[in-house]
Amino acid sequence: MGESENITINIICGPTGSGKSTVALELAKFLPIEIINADSRQMIKYLNIGTAKPTKEEQNLVKTHLIDIIEPGTKYSAFRFIDDANRAIENILSNNNIPLFVGGTGFYLRALTDGVVEIGETEFEIKEKLEKEMELLGPEKMHKKLMSIDPLEAHKIHPNNKVKVLRALEIFYTTGKSKSEISATGVYRKSKYNFRYFCLAPNRVDLYNAINDRVDKMIEMGLLKEIKNLISKGYMNAIKISNVIGYNEIINHFDGKSSLEEAISLIKQNSRRYAKRQITWFKKQGDISFYENRADLLDLLVE
């Protein structure tokens, strides 16, 4: 058994605005931790205020990895996250410090801890051809087509789920292998370390109030100025592609599609909805401990 298999690394996860970073910064007063960011939004360069990215002062207090690693609008895969995270872990351990994951991007964390299959991008011509077939033949006949190619996958998908049917067909016509075959024998990757999940999940009233207050603080800190500056540097399309809550709402305000008050209200609403989706995701994770109070979680991690 390798040495890495005996190492268990903690993950502080939870919805946006729950106080994950606060717990991590407090924990750093007691333990020699280094943080590995697991928030996809904070990986994007230049998007600072609207992503609640740790300040330079906070990063000086606790070294943080995987912050500002991609340009706005750039794709970042779960496969790359696993590789980047493993390198960060090794770097931290070599410094005789303790790695700690902090963030709410459940998809990346699940890929890290449970593994993921790499399936490349579908060739455009294949995708276009299959979409035209779907329009012509309809979902039932396309599902039958999938059944003849990949019955295991077809049985998992409702015949009316066009998106999943098309994706499974795209995989076959792109790779020459069924999705089931790739899942069973294809390129599969996960971290070699063990992990333990701790989810910070305040009660809904407190969480939503914290989210609303945070959005107001972002506006006070200069979110509009940050976005204007990025637009002046030619990043508007990249920001739109990145689709980070807080940025497109303000861009729409600048375009005259809403008042500032309406934009701020929408940011709060979208942030609350995002938090709700995150909670739902982590509840389905399994093998995860939930904590309503930051102090309770901190006490546990310090022990």
C-alpha atoms as a PDB file:
ATOM      1  CA  MET A   1       0.000   0.000   0.000  1.00  0.00           C
ATOM      2  CA  GLY A   2       1.431   3.377  -1.023  1.00  0.00           C
ATOM      3  CA  GLU A   3       2.086   6.120   1.486  1.00  0.00           C
ATOM      4  CA  SER A   4      -0.535   8.358  -0.180  1.00  0.00           C
ATOM      5  CA  GLU A   5      -3.241   5.804   0.551  1.00  0.00           C
ATOM      6  CA  ASN A   6      -2.712   6.408   4.277  1.00  0.00           C
ATOM      7  CA  ILE A   7      -3.244  10.169   3.974  1.00  0.00           C
ATOM      8  CA  THR A   8      -6.742  11.577   4.503  1.00  0.00           C
ATOM      9  CA  ILE A   9      -7.335  15.132   3.307  1.00  0.00           C
ATOM     10  CA  ASN A  10     -10.190  17.272   4.573  1.00  0.00           C
ATOM     11  CA  ILE A  11     -12.629  19.121   2.325  1.00  0.00           C
ATOM     12  CA  ILE A  12     -14.665  22.083   3.578  1.00  0.00           C
ATOM     13  CA  CYS A  13     -17.533  22.423   1.128  1.00  0.00           C
ATOM     14  CA  GLY A  14     -20.928  24.065   1.138  1.00  0.00           C
ATOM     15  CA  PRO A  15     -23.048  26.696  -0.561  1.00  0.00           C
ATOM     16  CA  THR A  16     -21.913  30.163  -1.528  1.00  0.00           C
ATOM     17  CA  GLY A  17     -21.975  32.584   1.395  1.00  0.00           C
ATOM     18  CA  SER A  18     -21.868  29.882   4.069  1.00  0.00           C
ATOM     19  CA  GLY A  19     -18.525  31.009   5.523  1.00  0.00           C
ATOM     20  CA  LYS A  20     -16.177  28.270   4.295  1.00  0.00           C
ATOM     21  CA  SER A  21     -13.229  30.625   3.846  1.00  0.00           C
ATOM     22  CA  THR A  22     -13.784  32.133   7.297  1.00  0.00           C
ATOM     23  CA  VAL A  23     -13.499  28.687   8.886  1.00  0.00           C
ATOM     24  CA  ALA A  24     -10.336  27.962   6.889  1.00  0.00           C
ATOM     25  CA  LEU A  25      -8.703  31.239   7.936  1.00  0.00           C
ATOM     26  CA  GLU A  26      -9.561  30.559  11.579  1.00  0.00           C
ATOM     27  CA  LEU A  27      -8.215  27.014  11.285  1.00  0.00           C
ATOM     28  CA  ALA A  28      -4.904  28.402   9.997  1.00  0.00           C
ATOM     29  CA  LYS A  29      -4.367  29.986  13.430  1.00  0.00           C
ATOM     30  CA  PHE A  30      -4.147  26.489  14.922  1.00  0.00           C
ATOM     31  CA  LEU A  31      -2.790  24.248  12.147  1.00  0.00           C
ATOM     32  CA  PRO A  32      -0.140  24.655   9.403  1.00  0.00           C
ATOM     33  CA  ILE A  33      -2.634  24.422   6.537  1.00  0.00           C
ATOM     34  CA  GLU A  34      -2.420  25.469   2.916  1.00  0.00           C
ATOM     35  CA  ILE A  35      -5.705  25.882   1.043  1.00  0.00           C
ATOM     36  CA  ILE A  36      -6.515  24.290  -2.293  1.00  0.00           C
ATOM     37  CA  ASN A  37      -9.316  26.248  -3.931  1.00  0.00           C
ATOM     38  CA  ALA A  38     -12.320  24.195  -5.092  1.00  0.00           C
ATOM     39  CA  ASP A  39     -14.446  27.099  -6.347  1.00  0.00           C
ATOM     40  CA  SER A  40     -14.477  27.156 -10.145  1.00  0.00           C
ATOM     41  CA  ARG A  41     -15.261  30.887 -10.204  1.00  0.00           C
ATOM     42  CA  GLN A  42     -12.186  31.800  -8.190  1.00  0.00           C
ATOM     43  CA  MET A  43      -9.962  30.008 -10.689  1.00  0.00           C
ATOM     44  CA  ILE A  44     -10.742  32.731 -13.247  1.00  0.00           C
ATOM     45  CA  LYS A  45      -8.293  35.614 -13.427  1.00  0.00           C
ATOM     46  CA  TYR A  46      -9.458  39.218 -12.892  1.00  0.00           C
ATOM     47  CA  LEU A  47     -12.921  38.256 -11.561  1.00  0.00           C
ATOM     48  CA  ASN A  48     -12.193  39.163  -7.962  1.00  0.00           C
ATOM     49  CA  ILE A  49     -14.949  41.001  -6.126  1.00  0.00           C
ATOM     50  CA  GLY A  50     -17.900  39.142  -7.623  1.00  0.00           C
ATOM     51  CA  THR A  51     -16.378  35.735  -6.832  1.00  0.00           C
ATOM     52  CA  ALA A  52     -15.508  36.649  -3.221  1.00  0.00           C
ATOM     53  CA  LYS A  53     -11.929  35.702  -4.048  1.00  0.00           C
ATOM     54  CA  PRO A  54      -9.534  35.753  -1.075  1.00  0.00           C
ATOM     55  CA  THR A  55      -7.785  39.110  -0.836  1.00  0.00           C
ATOM     56  CA  LYS A  56      -4.010  39.407  -1.215  1.00  0.00           C
ATOM     57  CA  GLU A  57      -3.812  39.900   2.555  1.00  0.00           C
ATOM     58  CA  GLU A  58      -5.758  36.684   3.191  1.00  0.00           C
ATOM     59  CA  GLN A  59      -3.599  34.798   0.705  1.00  0.00           C
ATOM     60  CA  ASN A  60      -0.528  36.093   2.524  1.00  0.00           C
ATOM     61  CA  LEU A  61      -1.913  34.712   5.782  1.00  0.00           C
ATOM     62  CA  VAL A  62      -2.670  31.310   4.277  1.00  0.00           C
ATOM     63  CA  LYS A  63      -1.120  30.134   1.029  1.00  0.00           C
ATOM     64  CA  THR A  64      -3.892  29.329  -1.465  1.00  0.00           C
ATOM     65  CA  HIS A  65      -3.485  27.122  -4.530  1.00  0.00           C
ATOM     66  CA  LEU A  66      -5.544  27.049  -7.753  1.00  0.00           C
ATOM     67  CA  ILE A  67      -6.534  30.722  -7.616  1.00  0.00           C
ATOM     68  CA  ASP A  68      -6.277  32.787 -10.849  1.00  0.00           C
ATOM     69  CA  ILE A  69      -5.195  29.881 -13.038  1.00  0.00           C
ATOM     70  CA  ILE A  70      -7.319  30.401 -16.174  1.00  0.00           C
ATOM     71  CA  GLU A  71      -8.257  33.314 -18.416  1.00  0.00           C
ATOM     72  CA  PRO A  72     -11.919  34.417 -18.519  1.00  0.00           C
ATOM     73  CA  GLY A  73     -13.892  32.358 -21.027  1.00  0.00           C
ATOM     74  CA  THR A  74     -11.379  29.481 -20.966  1.00  0.00           C
ATOM     75  CA  LYS A  75     -12.605  25.905 -20.531  1.00  0.00           C
ATOM     76  CA  TYR A  76     -11.411  24.009 -17.474  1.00  0.00           C
ATOM     77  CA  SER A  77     -12.140  20.304 -17.088  1.00  0.00           C
ATOM     78  CA  ALA A  78     -12.616  18.009 -14.127  1.00  0.00           C
ATOM     79  CA  PHE A  79      -9.654  16.005 -15.457  1.00  0.00           C
ATOM     80  CA  ARG A  80      -7.436  19.057 -15.245  1.00  0.00           C
ATOM     81  CA  PHE A  81      -8.705  19.825 -11.753  1.00  0.00           C
ATOM     82  CA  ILE A  82      -7.657  16.356 -10.565  1.00  0.00           C
ATOM     83  CA  ASP A  83      -4.165  16.819 -11.995  1.00  0.00           C
ATOM     84  CA  ASP A  84      -3.809  20.357 -10.632  1.00  0.00           C
ATOM     85  CA  ALA A  85      -5.144  19.328  -7.235  1.00  0.00           C
ATOM     86  CA  ASN A  86      -2.789  16.355  -6.959  1.00  0.00           C
ATOM     87  CA  ARG A  87       0.188  18.559  -7.774  1.00  0.00           C
ATOM     88  CA  ALA A  88      -0.929  21.062  -5.150  1.00  0.00           C
ATOM     89  CA  ILE A  89      -1.289  18.305  -2.550  1.00  0.00           C
ATOM     90  CA  GLU A  90       2.212  17.026  -3.260  1.00  0.00           C
ATOM     91  CA  ASN A  91       3.616  20.553  -3.071  1.00  0.00           C
ATOM     92  CA  ILE A  92       1.943  21.206   0.280  1.00  0.00           C
ATOM     93  CA  LEU A  93       3.036  17.877   1.756  1.00  0.00           C
ATOM     94  CA  SER A  94       6.605  18.541   0.629  1.00  0.00           C
ATOM     95  CA  ASN A  95       6.434  21.756   2.689  1.00  0.00           C
ATOM     96  CA  ASN A  96       5.380  19.644   5.692  1.00  0.00           C
ATOM     97  CA  ASN A  97       2.028  21.457   5.736  1.00  0.00           C
ATOM     98  CA  ILE A  98      -1.556  20.194   5.703  1.00  0.00           C
ATOM     99  CA  PRO A  99      -3.640  20.382   2.487  1.00  0.00           C
ATOM    100  CA  LEU A 100      -7.214  21.607   2.917  1.00  0.00           C
ATOM    101  CA  PHE A 101      -9.733  21.860   0.090  1.00  0.00           C
ATOM    102  CA  VAL A 102     -12.178  24.761   0.361  1.00  0.00           C
ATOM    103  CA  GLY A 103     -14.961  25.433  -2.125  1.00  0.00           C
ATOM    104  CA  GLY A 104     -18.415  24.693  -3.402  1.00  0.00           C
ATOM    105  CA  THR A 105     -17.920  23.305  -6.919  1.00  0.00           C
ATOM    106  CA  GLY A 106     -19.309  19.859  -6.212  1.00  0.00           C
ATOM    107  CA  PHE A 107     -18.642  18.445  -9.685  1.00  0.00           C
ATOM    108  CA  TYR A 108     -14.893  19.015  -9.391  1.00  0.00           C
ATOM    109  CA  LEU A 109     -14.768  17.660  -5.855  1.00  0.00           C
ATOM    110  CA  ARG A 110     -16.696  14.534  -6.801  1.00  0.00           C
ATOM    111  CA  ALA A 111     -14.362  13.966  -9.743  1.00  0.00           C
ATOM    112  CA  LEU A 112     -11.402  14.277  -7.391  1.00  0.00           C
ATOM    113  CA  THR A 113     -12.729  11.910  -4.746  1.00  0.00           C
ATOM    114  CA  ASP A 114     -14.835   9.472  -6.784  1.00  0.00           C
ATOM    115  CA  GLY A 115     -13.194   9.593 -10.213  1.00  0.00           C
ATOM    116  CA  VAL A 116     -14.289  10.663 -13.691  1.00  0.00           C
ATOM    117  CA  VAL A 117     -14.177   9.267 -17.207  1.00  0.00           C
ATOM    118  CA  GLU A 118     -12.541  11.465 -19.839  1.00  0.00           C
ATOM    119  CA  ILE A 119     -14.620  11.822 -23.000  1.00  0.00           C
ATOM    120  CA  GLY A 120     -13.349  14.263 -25.566  1.00  0.00           C
ATOM    121  CA  GLU A 121     -15.275  16.967 -27.379  1.00  0.00           C
ATOM    122  CA  THR A 122     -17.557  15.730 -30.127  1.00  0.00           C
ATOM    123  CA  GLU A 123     -16.620  16.610 -33.684  1.00  0.00           C
ATOM    124  CA  PHE A 124     -18.936  19.358 -34.912  1.00  0.00           C
ATOM    125  CA  GLU A 125     -20.017  17.494 -38.068  1.00  0.00           C
ATOM    126  CA  ILE A 126     -21.097  14.443 -36.066  1.00  0.00           C
ATOM    127  CA  LYS A 127     -22.997  16.547 -33.567  1.00  0.00           C
ATOM    128  CA  GLU A 128     -24.763  18.506 -36.311  1.00  0.00           C
ATOM    129  CA  LYS A 129     -25.717  15.332 -38.220  1.00  0.00           C
ATOM    130  CA  LEU A 130     -27.200  13.691 -35.118  1.00  0.00           C
ATOM    131  CA  GLU A 131     -29.149  16.805 -34.160  1.00  0.00           C
ATOM    132  CA  LYS A 132     -30.706  16.875 -37.647  1.00  0.00           C
ATOM    133  CA  GLU A 133     -31.587  13.189 -37.310  1.00  0.00           C
ATOM    134  CA  MET A 134     -33.249  13.935 -33.972  1.00  0.00           C
ATOM    135  CA  GLU A 135     -35.388  16.624 -35.615  1.00  0.00           C
ATOM    136  CA  LEU A 136     -36.304  14.333 -38.503  1.00  0.00           C
ATOM    137  CA  LEU A 137     -36.854  11.020 -36.710  1.00  0.00           C
ATOM    138  CA  GLY A 138     -37.840  12.148 -33.212  1.00  0.00           C
ATOM    139  CA  PRO A 139     -36.606  11.044 -29.770  1.00  0.00           C
ATOM    140  CA  GLU A 140     -38.259   7.604 -29.762  1.00  0.00           C
ATOM    141  CA  LYS A 141     -36.517   6.390 -32.910  1.00  0.00           C
ATOM    142  CA  MET A 142     -33.195   7.912 -31.824  1.00  0.00           C
ATOM    143  CA  HIS A 143     -33.526   6.134 -28.491  1.00  0.00           C
ATOM    144  CA  LYS A 144     -34.069   2.855 -30.376  1.00  0.00           C
ATOM    145  CA  LYS A 145     -30.917   3.613 -32.345  1.00  0.00           C
ATOM    146  CA  LEU A 146     -29.018   4.033 -29.083  1.00  0.00           C
ATOM    147  CA  MET A 147     -30.562   0.812 -27.785  1.00  0.00           C
ATOM    148  CA  SER A 148     -29.026  -1.097 -30.704  1.00  0.00           C
ATOM    149  CA  ILE A 149     -25.606   0.494 -30.078  1.00  0.00           C
ATOM    150  CA  ASP A 150     -25.440   0.741 -26.294  1.00  0.00           C
ATOM    151  CA  PRO A 151     -28.328  -1.054 -24.573  1.00  0.00           C
ATOM    152  CA  LEU A 152     -26.827  -0.593 -21.089  1.00  0.00           C
ATOM    153  CA  GLU A 153     -26.779   3.182 -21.453  1.00  0.00           C
ATOM    154  CA  ALA A 154     -30.114   3.286 -23.286  1.00  0.00           C
ATOM    155  CA  HIS A 155     -31.843   1.541 -20.382  1.00  0.00           C
ATOM    156  CA  LYS A 156     -30.636   4.344 -18.072  1.00  0.00           C
ATOM    157  CA  ILE A 157     -32.048   7.125 -20.273  1.00  0.00           C
ATOM    158  CA  HIS A 158     -35.703   8.035 -20.719  1.00  0.00           C
ATOM    159  CA  PRO A 159     -36.592   7.990 -24.441  1.00  0.00           C
ATOM    160  CA  ASN A 160     -37.693  11.637 -24.273  1.00  0.00           C
ATOM    161  CA  ASN A 161     -34.378  12.849 -22.827  1.00  0.00           C
ATOM    162  CA  LYS A 162     -32.995  14.181 -26.100  1.00  0.00           C
ATOM    163  CA  VAL A 163     -29.839  15.651 -24.571  1.00  0.00           C
ATOM    164  CA  LYS A 164     -28.625  12.407 -22.984  1.00  0.00           C
ATOM    165  CA  VAL A 165     -29.613  10.290 -25.970  1.00  0.00           C
ATOM    166  CA  LEU A 166     -27.698  12.584 -28.315  1.00  0.00           C
ATOM    167  CA  ARG A 167     -24.668  12.695 -26.021  1.00  0.00           C
ATOM    168  CA  ALA A 168     -24.469   8.895 -25.842  1.00  0.00           C
ATOM    169  CA  LEU A 169     -24.746   8.654 -29.628  1.00  0.00           C
ATOM    170  CA  GLU A 170     -22.128  11.377 -30.095  1.00  0.00           C
ATOM    171  CA  ILE A 171     -19.696   9.464 -27.898  1.00  0.00           C
ATOM    172  CA  PHE A 172     -20.126   6.306 -29.977  1.00  0.00           C
ATOM    173  CA  TYR A 173     -19.761   8.004 -33.353  1.00  0.00           C
ATOM    174  CA  THR A 174     -16.789  10.062 -32.135  1.00  0.00           C
ATOM    175  CA  THR A 175     -14.813   7.337 -30.360  1.00  0.00           C
ATOM    176  CA  GLY A 176     -16.100   4.129 -31.935  1.00  0.00           C
ATOM    177  CA  LYS A 177     -16.909   2.880 -28.439  1.00  0.00           C
ATOM    178  CA  SER A 178     -20.149   2.972 -26.472  1.00  0.00           C
ATOM    179  CA  LYS A 179     -20.394   5.153 -23.394  1.00  0.00           C
ATOM    180  CA  SER A 180     -20.857   2.025 -21.281  1.00  0.00           C
ATOM    181  CA  GLU A 181     -17.643   0.544 -22.649  1.00  0.00           C
ATOM    182  CA  ILE A 182     -15.696   3.745 -22.003  1.00  0.00           C
ATOM    183  CA  SER A 183     -17.109   3.990 -18.493  1.00  0.00           C
ATOM    184  CA  ALA A 184     -16.031   0.419 -17.775  1.00  0.00           C
ATOM    185  CA  THR A 185     -12.655   0.298 -19.515  1.00  0.00           C
ATOM    186  CA  GLY A 186     -11.834   3.793 -20.729  1.00  0.00           C
ATOM    187  CA  VAL A 187      -9.565   6.453 -19.303  1.00  0.00           C
ATOM    188  CA  TYR A 188     -10.578   6.752 -15.677  1.00  0.00           C
ATOM    189  CA  ARG A 189      -8.947   9.077 -13.225  1.00  0.00           C
ATOM    190  CA  LYS A 190      -9.256   9.992  -9.570  1.00  0.00           C
ATOM    191  CA  SER A 191      -6.930  11.204  -6.877  1.00  0.00           C
ATOM    192  CA  LYS A 192      -4.737   8.644  -5.137  1.00  0.00           C
ATOM    193  CA  TYR A 193      -5.479  10.216  -1.747  1.00  0.00           C
ATOM    194  CA  ASN A 194      -8.321   9.630   0.696  1.00  0.00           C
ATOM    195  CA  PHE A 195     -10.750  12.446   1.486  1.00  0.00           C
ATOM    196  CA  ARG A 196     -13.232  13.437   4.158  1.00  0.00           C
ATOM    197  CA  TYR A 197     -16.093  15.854   3.432  1.00  0.00           C
ATOM    198  CA  PHE A 198     -17.324  18.508   5.870  1.00  0.00           C
ATOM    199  CA  CYS A 199     -20.246  20.582   4.590  1.00  0.00           C
ATOM    200  CA  LEU A 200     -21.000  23.950   6.137  1.00  0.00           C
ATOM    201  CA  ALA A 201     -24.743  24.448   5.713  1.00  0.00           C
ATOM    202  CA  PRO A 202     -26.328  27.249   7.792  1.00  0.00           C
ATOM    203  CA  ASN A 203     -30.091  27.310   8.153  1.00  0.00           C
ATOM    204  CA  ARG A 204     -31.766  28.775   5.081  1.00  0.00           C
ATOM    205  CA  VAL A 205     -32.812  32.097   6.649  1.00  0.00           C
ATOM    206  CA  ASP A 206     -29.288  32.848   7.901  1.00  0.00           C
ATOM    207  CA  LEU A 207     -27.724  31.691   4.628  1.00  0.00           C
ATOM    208  CA  TYR A 208     -29.980  33.821   2.452  1.00  0.00           C
ATOM    209  CA  ASN A 209     -29.430  36.858   4.681  1.00  0.00           C
ATOM    210  CA  ALA A 210     -25.672  36.312   4.452  1.00  0.00           C
ATOM    211  CA  ILE A 211     -25.889  36.058   0.656  1.00  0.00           C
ATOM    212  CA  ASN A 212     -27.904  39.285   0.401  1.00  0.00           C
ATOM    213  CA  ASP A 213     -25.451  41.100   2.683  1.00  0.00           C
ATOM    214  CA  ARG A 214     -22.501  39.773   0.703  1.00  0.00           C
ATOM    215  CA  VAL A 215     -23.924  41.078  -2.574  1.00  0.00           C
ATOM    216  CA  ASP A 216     -24.436  44.522  -1.020  1.00  0.00           C
ATOM    217  CA  LYS A 217     -20.826  44.436   0.192  1.00  0.00           C
ATOM    218  CA  MET A 218     -19.595  43.496  -3.299  1.00  0.00           C
ATOM    219  CA  ILE A 219     -21.326  46.553  -4.719  1.00  0.00           C
ATOM    220  CA  GLU A 220     -19.787  48.721  -1.982  1.00  0.00           C
ATOM    221  CA  MET A 221     -16.333  47.244  -2.693  1.00  0.00           C
ATOM    222  CA  GLY A 222     -16.531  48.345  -6.322  1.00  0.00           C
ATOM    223  CA  LEU A 223     -17.964  45.474  -8.374  1.00  0.00           C
ATOM    224  CA  LEU A 224     -19.271  47.889 -11.019  1.00  0.00           C
ATOM    225  CA  LYS A 225     -15.867  49.544 -11.330  1.00  0.00           C
ATOM    226  CA  GLU A 226     -14.169  46.142 -11.634  1.00  0.00           C
ATOM    227  CA  ILE A 227     -16.506  45.106 -14.455  1.00  0.00           C
ATOM    228  CA  LYS A 228     -16.155  48.443 -16.281  1.00  0.00           C
ATOM    229  CA  ASN A 229     -12.388  48.033 -16.122  1.00  0.00           C
ATOM    230  CA  LEU A 230     -12.581  44.506 -17.548  1.00  0.00           C
ATOM    231  CA  ILE A 231     -14.886  45.649 -20.353  1.00  0.00           C
ATOM    232  CA  SER A 232     -12.456  48.467 -21.220  1.00  0.00           C
ATOM    233  CA  LYS A 233      -9.722  45.820 -21.570  1.00  0.00           C
ATOM    234  CA  GLY A 234     -11.823  43.790 -24.017  1.00  0.00           C
ATOM    235  CA  TYR A 235     -13.007  41.031 -21.680  1.00  0.00           C
ATOM    236  CA  MET A 236     -16.778  41.491 -22.066  1.00  0.00           C
ATOM    237  CA  ASN A 237     -17.402  38.440 -24.290  1.00  0.00           C
ATOM    238  CA  ALA A 238     -15.091  36.298 -22.174  1.00  0.00           C
ATOM    239  CA  ILE A 239     -16.974  37.355 -19.044  1.00  0.00           C
ATOM    240  CA  LYS A 240     -20.297  36.446 -20.663  1.00  0.00           C
ATOM    241  CA  ILE A 241     -18.936  33.012 -21.622  1.00  0.00           C
ATOM    242  CA  SER A 242     -17.672  32.471 -18.079  1.00  0.00           C
ATOM    243  CA  ASN A 243     -21.266  32.993 -16.871  1.00  0.00           C
ATOM    244  CA  VAL A 244     -20.385  33.923 -13.305  1.00  0.00           C
ATOM    245  CA  ILE A 245     -23.240  35.242 -11.166  1.00  0.00           C
ATOM    246  CA  GLY A 246     -22.868  38.971 -10.574  1.00  0.00           C
ATOM    247  CA  TYR A 247     -21.085  39.809 -13.802  1.00  0.00           C
ATOM    248  CA  ASN A 248     -23.624  39.279 -16.563  1.00  0.00           C
ATOM    249  CA  GLU A 249     -26.334  40.933 -14.465  1.00  0.00           C
ATOM    250  CA  ILE A 250     -24.218  44.091 -14.216  1.00  0.00           C
ATOM    251  CA  ILE A 251     -23.287  43.962 -17.901  1.00  0.00           C
ATOM    252  CA  ASN A 252     -27.010  43.829 -18.730  1.00  0.00           C
ATOM    253  CA  HIS A 253     -27.469  46.878 -16.506  1.00  0.00           C
ATOM    254  CA  PHE A 254     -24.730  48.692 -18.410  1.00  0.00           C
ATOM    255  CA  ASP A 255     -26.551  47.750 -21.641  1.00  0.00           C
ATOM    256  CA  GLY A 256     -29.708  49.429 -20.351  1.00  0.00           C
ATOM    257  CA  LYS A 257     -31.613  46.175 -19.866  1.00  0.00           C
ATOM    258  CA  SER A 258     -32.221  46.801 -16.172  1.00  0.00           C
ATOM    259  CA  SER A 259     -31.815  49.407 -13.481  1.00  0.00           C
ATOM    260  CA  LEU A 260     -29.001  49.007 -10.962  1.00  0.00           C
ATOM    261  CA  GLU A 261     -31.531  48.090  -8.279  1.00  0.00           C
ATOM    262  CA  GLU A 262     -33.008  45.396 -10.522  1.00  0.00           C
ATOM    263  CA  ALA A 263     -29.534  44.047 -11.340  1.00  0.00           C
ATOM    264  CA  ILE A 264     -28.584  43.838  -7.673  1.00  0.00           C
ATOM    265  CA  SER A 265     -31.879  42.141  -6.822  1.00  0.00           C
ATOM    266  CA  LEU A 266     -31.284  39.603  -9.581  1.00  0.00           C
ATOM    267  CA  ILE A 267     -27.736  38.878  -8.379  1.00  0.00           C
ATOM    268  CA  LYS A 268     -29.133  38.129  -4.927  1.00  0.00           C
ATOM    269  CA  GLN A 269     -31.874  35.927  -6.363  1.00  0.00           C
ATOM    270  CA  ASN A 270     -29.497  34.003  -8.637  1.00  0.00           C
ATOM    271  CA  SER A 271     -27.005  33.574  -5.786  1.00  0.00           C
ATOM    272  CA  ARG A 272     -29.707  32.159  -3.501  1.00  0.00           C
ATOM    273  CA  ARG A 273     -30.810  29.743  -6.222  1.00  0.00           C
ATOM    274  CA  TYR A 274     -27.213  28.689  -6.792  1.00  0.00           C
ATOM    275  CA  ALA A 275     -26.778  28.054  -3.068  1.00  0.00           C
ATOM    276  CA  LYS A 276     -29.900  25.899  -3.058  1.00  0.00           C
ATOM    277  CA  ARG A 277     -28.534  23.808  -5.958  1.00  0.00           C
ATOM    278  CA  GLN A 278     -25.218  23.392  -4.146  1.00  0.00           C
ATOM    279  CA  ILE A 279     -26.932  22.142  -0.990  1.00  0.00           C
ATOM    280  CA  THR A 280     -28.941  19.650  -3.037  1.00  0.00           C
ATOM    281  CA  TRP A 281     -25.738  18.413  -4.720  1.00  0.00           C
ATOM    282  CA  PHE A 282     -23.881  17.851  -1.450  1.00  0.00           C
ATOM    283  CA  LYS A 283     -26.861  16.106   0.140  1.00  0.00           C
ATOM    284  CA  LYS A 284     -26.577  13.547  -2.651  1.00  0.00           C
ATOM    285  CA  GLN A 285     -22.822  13.160  -2.188  1.00  0.00           C
ATOM    286  CA  GLY A 286     -22.976  10.558   0.542  1.00  0.00           C
ATOM    287  CA  ASP A 287     -20.329  10.035   3.254  1.00  0.00           C
ATOM    288  CA  ILE A 288     -20.491  13.707   4.202  1.00  0.00           C
ATOM    289  CA  SER A 289     -20.955  15.484   7.536  1.00  0.00           C
ATOM    290  CA  PHE A 290     -23.125  18.617   7.754  1.00  0.00           C
ATOM    291  CA  TYR A 291     -22.593  21.511  10.163  1.00  0.00           C
ATOM    292  CA  GLU A 292     -24.908  24.458  10.684  1.00  0.00           C
ATOM    293  CA  ASN A 293     -22.504  26.506  12.800  1.00  0.00           C
ATOM    294  CA  ARG A 294     -18.982  27.539  11.819  1.00  0.00           C
ATOM    295  CA  ALA A 295     -17.782  27.241  15.427  1.00  0.00           C
ATOM    296  CA  ASP A 296     -18.846  23.578  15.645  1.00  0.00           C
ATOM    297  CA  LEU A 297     -16.979  22.707  12.463  1.00  0.00           C
ATOM    298  CA  LEU A 298     -13.900  24.649  13.533  1.00  0.00           C
ATOM    299  CA  ASP A 299     -13.805  22.905  16.910  1.00  0.00           C
ATOM    300  CA  LEU A 300     -13.962  19.532  15.206  1.00  0.00           C
ATOM    301  CA  LEU A 301     -11.181  20.309  12.719  1.00  0.00           C
ATOM    302  CA  VAL A 302      -8.889  21.744  15.391  1.00  0.00           C
ATOM    303  CA  GLU A 303      -9.098  18.572  17.501  1.00  0.00           C
END
